[in-house]
């Protein structure tokens, strides 16, 4: 499983437009994605922040998803949202790494996290954390 968290802010006075555009993104995801396991949008109580929790069968599924929602996502950030941060919770595949490198500078802030503790006894720890 490849997990991602996206964070963004809603522009002042654009909450209703933001909700409409988010619905377009969700529609494309439901109709076109074949490897998306989770795609849940959370909105803060004051309607200024949004967190999107995502899970895919593998990192390449995120590439597929990004292609499917590209036009609707671009419209979201053109008109209704700012401050896009994406947190990756595993190493990207070569295809995903290439797609991330091809993104325009400043389009999104990327943060990568490596697993160092898990309840699962068989979980692969990929990074030692310095003491």
N, C-alpha and C. Protein backbone atom coordinates (compact mmCIF):
# COMPACT_ATOMS: atom_id res chain seq x y z
N UNK A 1 0.85 -1.18 0.00
CA UNK A 1 0.00 0.00 0.00
C UNK A 1 0.89 1.24 0.00
N UNK A 2 0.55 2.22 -0.80
CA UNK A 2 1.28 3.49 -0.88
C UNK A 2 0.36 4.57 -0.35
N UNK A 3 0.78 5.24 0.73
CA UNK A 3 -0.08 6.24 1.37
C UNK A 3 0.46 7.64 1.19
N UNK A 4 -0.48 8.57 1.07
CA UNK A 4 -0.18 9.97 0.81
C UNK A 4 -1.14 10.83 1.64
N UNK A 5 -0.66 11.97 2.10
CA UNK A 5 -1.54 12.99 2.67
C UNK A 5 -1.28 14.27 1.91
N UNK A 6 -2.33 14.89 1.43
CA UNK A 6 -2.21 16.20 0.77
C UNK A 6 -2.87 17.23 1.68
N UNK A 7 -2.24 18.39 1.76
CA UNK A 7 -2.77 19.49 2.57
C UNK A 7 -2.87 20.73 1.70
N UNK A 8 -3.95 21.49 1.86
CA UNK A 8 -4.13 22.71 1.09
C UNK A 8 -5.00 23.68 1.85
N UNK A 9 -4.95 24.94 1.46
CA UNK A 9 -5.80 25.94 2.07
C UNK A 9 -6.82 26.43 1.05
N UNK A 10 -7.97 26.81 1.56
CA UNK A 10 -9.05 27.34 0.74
C UNK A 10 -8.89 28.86 0.72
N UNK A 11 -8.92 29.44 -0.47
CA UNK A 11 -8.81 30.89 -0.58
C UNK A 11 -10.02 31.58 0.04
N UNK A 12 -9.78 32.75 0.61
CA UNK A 12 -10.85 33.53 1.23
C UNK A 12 -12.00 33.74 0.25
N UNK A 13 -13.22 33.45 0.71
CA UNK A 13 -14.42 33.66 -0.09
C UNK A 13 -14.65 32.64 -1.18
N UNK A 14 -13.84 31.58 -1.24
CA UNK A 14 -13.95 30.61 -2.33
C UNK A 14 -14.39 29.22 -1.88
N UNK A 15 -14.97 29.12 -0.69
CA UNK A 15 -15.32 27.81 -0.16
C UNK A 15 -16.32 27.06 -1.05
N UNK A 16 -17.36 27.74 -1.51
CA UNK A 16 -18.36 27.04 -2.34
C UNK A 16 -17.76 26.57 -3.66
N UNK A 17 -16.94 27.41 -4.28
CA UNK A 17 -16.26 26.99 -5.51
C UNK A 17 -15.30 25.85 -5.25
N UNK A 18 -14.61 25.91 -4.12
CA UNK A 18 -13.70 24.84 -3.72
C UNK A 18 -14.46 23.52 -3.60
N UNK A 19 -15.61 23.54 -2.96
CA UNK A 19 -16.41 22.32 -2.78
C UNK A 19 -16.86 21.76 -4.13
N UNK A 20 -17.28 22.64 -5.04
CA UNK A 20 -17.71 22.19 -6.36
C UNK A 20 -16.55 21.54 -7.12
N UNK A 21 -15.38 22.18 -7.05
CA UNK A 21 -14.24 21.64 -7.78
C UNK A 21 -13.74 20.35 -7.15
N UNK A 22 -13.78 20.26 -5.84
CA UNK A 22 -13.41 19.01 -5.16
C UNK A 22 -14.35 17.88 -5.59
N UNK A 23 -15.62 18.19 -5.78
CA UNK A 23 -16.58 17.18 -6.25
C UNK A 23 -16.22 16.70 -7.65
N UNK A 24 -15.71 17.58 -8.50
CA UNK A 24 -15.28 17.19 -9.84
C UNK A 24 -14.07 16.25 -9.76
N UNK A 25 -13.15 16.54 -8.87
CA UNK A 25 -11.99 15.68 -8.68
C UNK A 25 -12.42 14.30 -8.18
N UNK A 26 -13.34 14.30 -7.22
CA UNK A 26 -13.84 13.03 -6.68
C UNK A 26 -14.56 12.23 -7.76
N UNK A 27 -15.34 12.90 -8.59
CA UNK A 27 -16.05 12.22 -9.67
C UNK A 27 -15.06 11.54 -10.62
N UNK A 28 -14.02 12.26 -11.02
CA UNK A 28 -13.01 11.67 -11.91
C UNK A 28 -12.33 10.49 -11.24
N UNK A 29 -12.04 10.61 -9.96
CA UNK A 29 -11.39 9.53 -9.23
C UNK A 29 -12.27 8.29 -9.21
N UNK A 30 -13.54 8.46 -8.91
CA UNK A 30 -14.46 7.32 -8.85
C UNK A 30 -14.62 6.65 -10.21
N UNK A 31 -14.70 7.47 -11.26
CA UNK A 31 -14.99 6.93 -12.59
C UNK A 31 -13.77 6.37 -13.31
N UNK A 32 -12.57 6.90 -13.03
CA UNK A 32 -11.41 6.55 -13.84
C UNK A 32 -10.34 5.74 -13.13
N UNK A 33 -10.16 5.94 -11.84
CA UNK A 33 -9.09 5.24 -11.12
C UNK A 33 -9.41 3.77 -10.97
N UNK A 34 -8.37 2.94 -11.08
CA UNK A 34 -8.57 1.50 -10.89
C UNK A 34 -7.77 0.96 -9.71
N UNK A 35 -6.86 1.77 -9.15
CA UNK A 35 -5.99 1.28 -8.09
C UNK A 35 -5.98 2.19 -6.87
N UNK A 36 -7.00 3.01 -6.73
CA UNK A 36 -7.10 3.89 -5.58
C UNK A 36 -7.93 3.19 -4.51
N UNK A 37 -7.34 3.00 -3.33
CA UNK A 37 -8.02 2.31 -2.24
C UNK A 37 -8.72 3.28 -1.29
N UNK A 38 -8.17 4.48 -1.16
CA UNK A 38 -8.75 5.47 -0.25
C UNK A 38 -8.49 6.86 -0.82
N UNK A 39 -9.51 7.71 -0.76
CA UNK A 39 -9.38 9.08 -1.24
C UNK A 39 -10.43 9.91 -0.48
N UNK A 40 -10.08 10.31 0.74
CA UNK A 40 -11.01 10.96 1.66
C UNK A 40 -10.59 12.41 1.89
N UNK A 41 -11.51 13.31 1.70
CA UNK A 41 -11.25 14.75 1.88
C UNK A 41 -11.84 15.19 3.22
N UNK A 42 -11.05 15.92 4.01
CA UNK A 42 -11.46 16.46 5.31
C UNK A 42 -11.32 17.97 5.27
N UNK A 43 -12.34 18.67 5.73
CA UNK A 43 -12.35 20.13 5.75
C UNK A 43 -12.40 20.61 7.20
N UNK A 44 -11.56 21.60 7.52
CA UNK A 44 -11.57 22.15 8.88
C UNK A 44 -12.92 22.79 9.17
N UNK A 45 -13.24 22.93 10.45
CA UNK A 45 -14.54 23.48 10.84
C UNK A 45 -14.77 24.88 10.31
N UNK A 46 -13.71 25.67 10.17
CA UNK A 46 -13.89 27.03 9.66
C UNK A 46 -13.80 27.11 8.13
N UNK A 47 -13.61 25.96 7.46
CA UNK A 47 -13.61 25.91 6.01
C UNK A 47 -12.39 26.52 5.35
N UNK A 48 -11.28 26.62 6.07
CA UNK A 48 -10.09 27.25 5.49
C UNK A 48 -8.98 26.26 5.15
N UNK A 49 -9.06 25.05 5.69
CA UNK A 49 -8.01 24.06 5.44
C UNK A 49 -8.64 22.74 5.02
N UNK A 50 -7.92 22.04 4.16
CA UNK A 50 -8.38 20.73 3.70
C UNK A 50 -7.21 19.75 3.78
N UNK A 51 -7.53 18.53 4.21
CA UNK A 51 -6.57 17.44 4.23
C UNK A 51 -7.18 16.30 3.42
N UNK A 52 -6.39 15.74 2.51
CA UNK A 52 -6.84 14.62 1.70
C UNK A 52 -5.98 13.41 2.06
N UNK A 53 -6.62 12.36 2.57
CA UNK A 53 -5.94 11.11 2.93
C UNK A 53 -6.12 10.14 1.77
N UNK A 54 -4.99 9.63 1.27
CA UNK A 54 -5.00 8.82 0.06
C UNK A 54 -4.23 7.52 0.28
N UNK A 55 -4.72 6.44 -0.31
CA UNK A 55 -4.00 5.16 -0.32
C UNK A 55 -4.17 4.55 -1.70
N UNK A 56 -3.08 3.97 -2.18
CA UNK A 56 -3.06 3.35 -3.50
C UNK A 56 -2.45 1.97 -3.39
N UNK A 57 -2.74 1.10 -4.33
CA UNK A 57 -2.20 -0.25 -4.26
C UNK A 57 -0.68 -0.24 -4.40
N UNK A 58 -0.15 0.76 -5.09
CA UNK A 58 1.30 0.94 -5.20
C UNK A 58 1.57 2.38 -5.65
N UNK A 59 2.83 2.75 -5.71
CA UNK A 59 3.20 4.13 -6.05
C UNK A 59 2.80 4.49 -7.48
N UNK A 60 2.84 3.53 -8.40
CA UNK A 60 2.45 3.83 -9.78
C UNK A 60 0.97 4.18 -9.89
N UNK A 61 0.16 3.69 -8.96
CA UNK A 61 -1.27 4.03 -8.97
C UNK A 61 -1.48 5.53 -8.72
N UNK A 62 -0.58 6.15 -7.96
CA UNK A 62 -0.67 7.60 -7.75
C UNK A 62 -0.40 8.34 -9.06
N UNK A 63 0.48 7.82 -9.88
CA UNK A 63 0.74 8.42 -11.20
C UNK A 63 -0.53 8.35 -12.04
N UNK A 64 -1.17 7.19 -12.06
CA UNK A 64 -2.43 7.02 -12.79
C UNK A 64 -3.47 8.02 -12.29
N UNK A 65 -3.63 8.09 -10.98
CA UNK A 65 -4.60 9.00 -10.38
C UNK A 65 -4.32 10.45 -10.78
N UNK A 66 -3.06 10.85 -10.69
CA UNK A 66 -2.69 12.23 -11.02
C UNK A 66 -3.06 12.58 -12.47
N UNK A 67 -2.89 11.64 -13.37
CA UNK A 67 -3.27 11.89 -14.77
C UNK A 67 -4.78 12.06 -14.90
N UNK A 68 -5.51 11.24 -14.18
CA UNK A 68 -6.98 11.29 -14.28
C UNK A 68 -7.57 12.60 -13.77
N UNK A 69 -6.96 13.17 -12.75
CA UNK A 69 -7.53 14.37 -12.13
C UNK A 69 -6.81 15.65 -12.52
N UNK A 70 -5.85 15.58 -13.42
CA UNK A 70 -4.97 16.73 -13.71
C UNK A 70 -5.75 18.00 -14.04
N UNK A 71 -6.68 17.93 -14.96
CA UNK A 71 -7.39 19.15 -15.38
C UNK A 71 -8.21 19.73 -14.22
N UNK A 72 -8.93 18.88 -13.50
CA UNK A 72 -9.76 19.36 -12.39
C UNK A 72 -8.90 19.88 -11.25
N UNK A 73 -7.77 19.21 -10.97
CA UNK A 73 -6.85 19.67 -9.93
C UNK A 73 -6.23 21.01 -10.30
N UNK A 74 -5.83 21.17 -11.55
CA UNK A 74 -5.25 22.44 -11.99
C UNK A 74 -6.25 23.58 -11.82
N UNK A 75 -7.50 23.33 -12.12
CA UNK A 75 -8.54 24.35 -11.94
C UNK A 75 -8.73 24.67 -10.46
N UNK A 76 -8.67 23.65 -9.60
CA UNK A 76 -8.79 23.87 -8.16
C UNK A 76 -7.73 24.86 -7.68
N UNK A 77 -6.48 24.64 -8.09
CA UNK A 77 -5.40 25.51 -7.62
C UNK A 77 -5.33 26.83 -8.37
N UNK A 78 -5.91 26.89 -9.54
CA UNK A 78 -5.96 28.16 -10.28
C UNK A 78 -6.96 29.11 -9.62
N UNK A 79 -8.07 28.58 -9.16
CA UNK A 79 -9.17 29.43 -8.70
C UNK A 79 -9.45 29.41 -7.20
N UNK A 80 -9.28 28.27 -6.54
CA UNK A 80 -9.88 28.10 -5.22
C UNK A 80 -8.95 27.73 -4.06
N UNK A 81 -7.75 27.24 -4.34
CA UNK A 81 -6.89 26.70 -3.28
C UNK A 81 -5.44 27.14 -3.45
N UNK A 82 -4.71 27.11 -2.33
CA UNK A 82 -3.29 27.45 -2.30
C UNK A 82 -2.56 26.48 -1.37
N UNK A 83 -1.25 26.70 -1.25
CA UNK A 83 -0.41 26.02 -0.25
C UNK A 83 -0.52 24.50 -0.32
N UNK A 84 -0.25 23.94 -1.48
CA UNK A 84 -0.36 22.51 -1.69
C UNK A 84 0.89 21.81 -1.16
N UNK A 85 0.71 20.96 -0.17
CA UNK A 85 1.78 20.13 0.37
C UNK A 85 1.37 18.67 0.23
N UNK A 86 2.29 17.84 -0.22
CA UNK A 86 2.03 16.41 -0.35
C UNK A 86 3.06 15.66 0.48
N UNK A 87 2.57 14.80 1.34
CA UNK A 87 3.42 13.97 2.19
C UNK A 87 3.38 12.54 1.67
N UNK A 88 4.54 11.98 1.35
CA UNK A 88 4.65 10.60 0.88
C UNK A 88 5.16 9.74 2.03
N UNK A 89 4.52 8.60 2.25
CA UNK A 89 4.87 7.74 3.36
C UNK A 89 5.56 6.45 2.92
N UNK A 90 6.25 6.52 1.80
CA UNK A 90 7.05 5.40 1.30
C UNK A 90 7.90 5.94 0.15
N UNK A 91 8.84 5.16 -0.28
CA UNK A 91 9.68 5.59 -1.39
C UNK A 91 8.88 5.55 -2.69
N UNK A 92 9.00 6.59 -3.52
CA UNK A 92 8.28 6.57 -4.80
C UNK A 92 8.89 5.58 -5.77
N UNK A 93 8.07 5.07 -6.66
CA UNK A 93 8.56 4.21 -7.73
C UNK A 93 9.34 5.08 -8.72
N UNK A 94 10.09 4.47 -9.63
CA UNK A 94 10.78 5.28 -10.65
C UNK A 94 9.82 6.15 -11.46
N UNK A 95 8.65 5.62 -11.80
CA UNK A 95 7.68 6.41 -12.57
C UNK A 95 7.17 7.60 -11.76
N UNK A 96 6.87 7.39 -10.49
CA UNK A 96 6.41 8.49 -9.64
C UNK A 96 7.52 9.49 -9.41
N UNK A 97 8.74 9.03 -9.16
CA UNK A 97 9.86 9.94 -8.96
C UNK A 97 10.05 10.83 -10.19
N UNK A 98 9.95 10.25 -11.37
CA UNK A 98 10.07 11.02 -12.60
C UNK A 98 8.96 12.04 -12.74
N UNK A 99 7.74 11.65 -12.40
CA UNK A 99 6.61 12.58 -12.47
C UNK A 99 6.78 13.73 -11.48
N UNK A 100 7.29 13.43 -10.30
CA UNK A 100 7.51 14.47 -9.30
C UNK A 100 8.60 15.44 -9.75
N UNK A 101 9.65 14.92 -10.35
CA UNK A 101 10.74 15.77 -10.83
C UNK A 101 10.29 16.66 -11.98
N UNK A 102 9.31 16.22 -12.76
CA UNK A 102 8.83 16.97 -13.91
C UNK A 102 7.86 18.10 -13.53
N UNK A 103 7.43 18.13 -12.28
CA UNK A 103 6.48 19.16 -11.86
C UNK A 103 7.15 20.52 -11.87
N UNK A 104 6.40 21.57 -12.20
CA UNK A 104 6.98 22.91 -12.18
C UNK A 104 7.44 23.28 -10.77
N UNK A 105 8.56 24.00 -10.66
CA UNK A 105 9.04 24.42 -9.34
C UNK A 105 7.97 25.22 -8.59
N UNK A 106 7.79 24.90 -7.32
CA UNK A 106 6.83 25.62 -6.50
C UNK A 106 5.39 25.17 -6.64
N UNK A 107 5.10 24.22 -7.53
CA UNK A 107 3.72 23.77 -7.72
C UNK A 107 3.20 23.05 -6.48
N UNK A 108 4.09 22.36 -5.81
CA UNK A 108 3.71 21.60 -4.61
C UNK A 108 4.96 21.43 -3.74
N UNK A 109 4.75 21.47 -2.44
CA UNK A 109 5.83 21.15 -1.50
C UNK A 109 5.75 19.66 -1.19
N UNK A 110 6.85 18.96 -1.40
CA UNK A 110 6.88 17.53 -1.14
C UNK A 110 7.61 17.26 0.16
N UNK A 111 7.05 16.33 0.92
CA UNK A 111 7.70 15.85 2.14
C UNK A 111 7.68 14.33 2.07
N UNK A 112 8.83 13.73 2.32
CA UNK A 112 8.93 12.26 2.33
C UNK A 112 9.19 11.79 3.75
N UNK A 113 8.48 10.75 4.13
CA UNK A 113 8.65 10.14 5.45
C UNK A 113 8.98 8.67 5.26
N UNK A 114 9.88 8.15 6.09
CA UNK A 114 10.24 6.74 6.06
C UNK A 114 9.79 6.08 7.36
N UNK A 115 9.28 4.88 7.23
CA UNK A 115 8.80 4.13 8.39
C UNK A 115 9.96 3.77 9.31
N UNK A 116 9.79 4.06 10.59
CA UNK A 116 10.79 3.61 11.56
C UNK A 116 10.18 2.90 12.75
N UNK A 117 8.85 2.88 12.89
CA UNK A 117 8.14 2.12 13.92
C UNK A 117 6.79 1.68 13.37
N UNK A 118 6.33 0.51 13.78
CA UNK A 118 5.03 0.01 13.32
C UNK A 118 4.50 -1.03 14.29
N UNK A 119 3.19 -1.13 14.38
CA UNK A 119 2.57 -2.20 15.15
C UNK A 119 2.76 -3.54 14.47
N UNK A 120 2.91 -3.52 13.16
CA UNK A 120 3.11 -4.76 12.43
C UNK A 120 4.51 -5.30 12.68
N UNK A 121 4.60 -6.51 13.20
CA UNK A 121 5.89 -7.10 13.52
C UNK A 121 6.75 -7.31 12.28
N UNK A 122 6.12 -7.54 11.13
CA UNK A 122 6.85 -7.82 9.90
C UNK A 122 7.08 -6.57 9.05
N UNK A 123 6.76 -5.41 9.55
CA UNK A 123 6.93 -4.18 8.77
C UNK A 123 8.41 -3.93 8.49
N UNK A 124 8.69 -3.54 7.27
CA UNK A 124 10.08 -3.26 6.86
C UNK A 124 10.45 -1.84 7.27
N UNK A 125 11.39 -1.73 8.15
CA UNK A 125 11.90 -0.41 8.56
C UNK A 125 12.97 -0.03 7.56
N UNK A 126 12.75 1.09 6.86
CA UNK A 126 13.64 1.45 5.76
C UNK A 126 14.65 2.52 6.16
N UNK A 127 14.55 3.04 7.38
CA UNK A 127 15.47 4.10 7.76
C UNK A 127 15.76 4.01 9.24
N UNK A 128 17.01 4.08 9.59
CA UNK A 128 17.39 4.20 10.99
C UNK A 128 17.32 5.66 11.38
N UNK A 129 16.73 5.94 12.52
CA UNK A 129 16.61 7.32 12.99
C UNK A 129 17.73 7.58 13.97
N UNK A 130 18.52 8.64 13.75
CA UNK A 130 19.62 8.92 14.68
C UNK A 130 19.11 9.22 16.08
N UNK A 131 19.89 8.81 17.07
CA UNK A 131 19.50 9.04 18.46
C UNK A 131 19.73 10.49 18.86
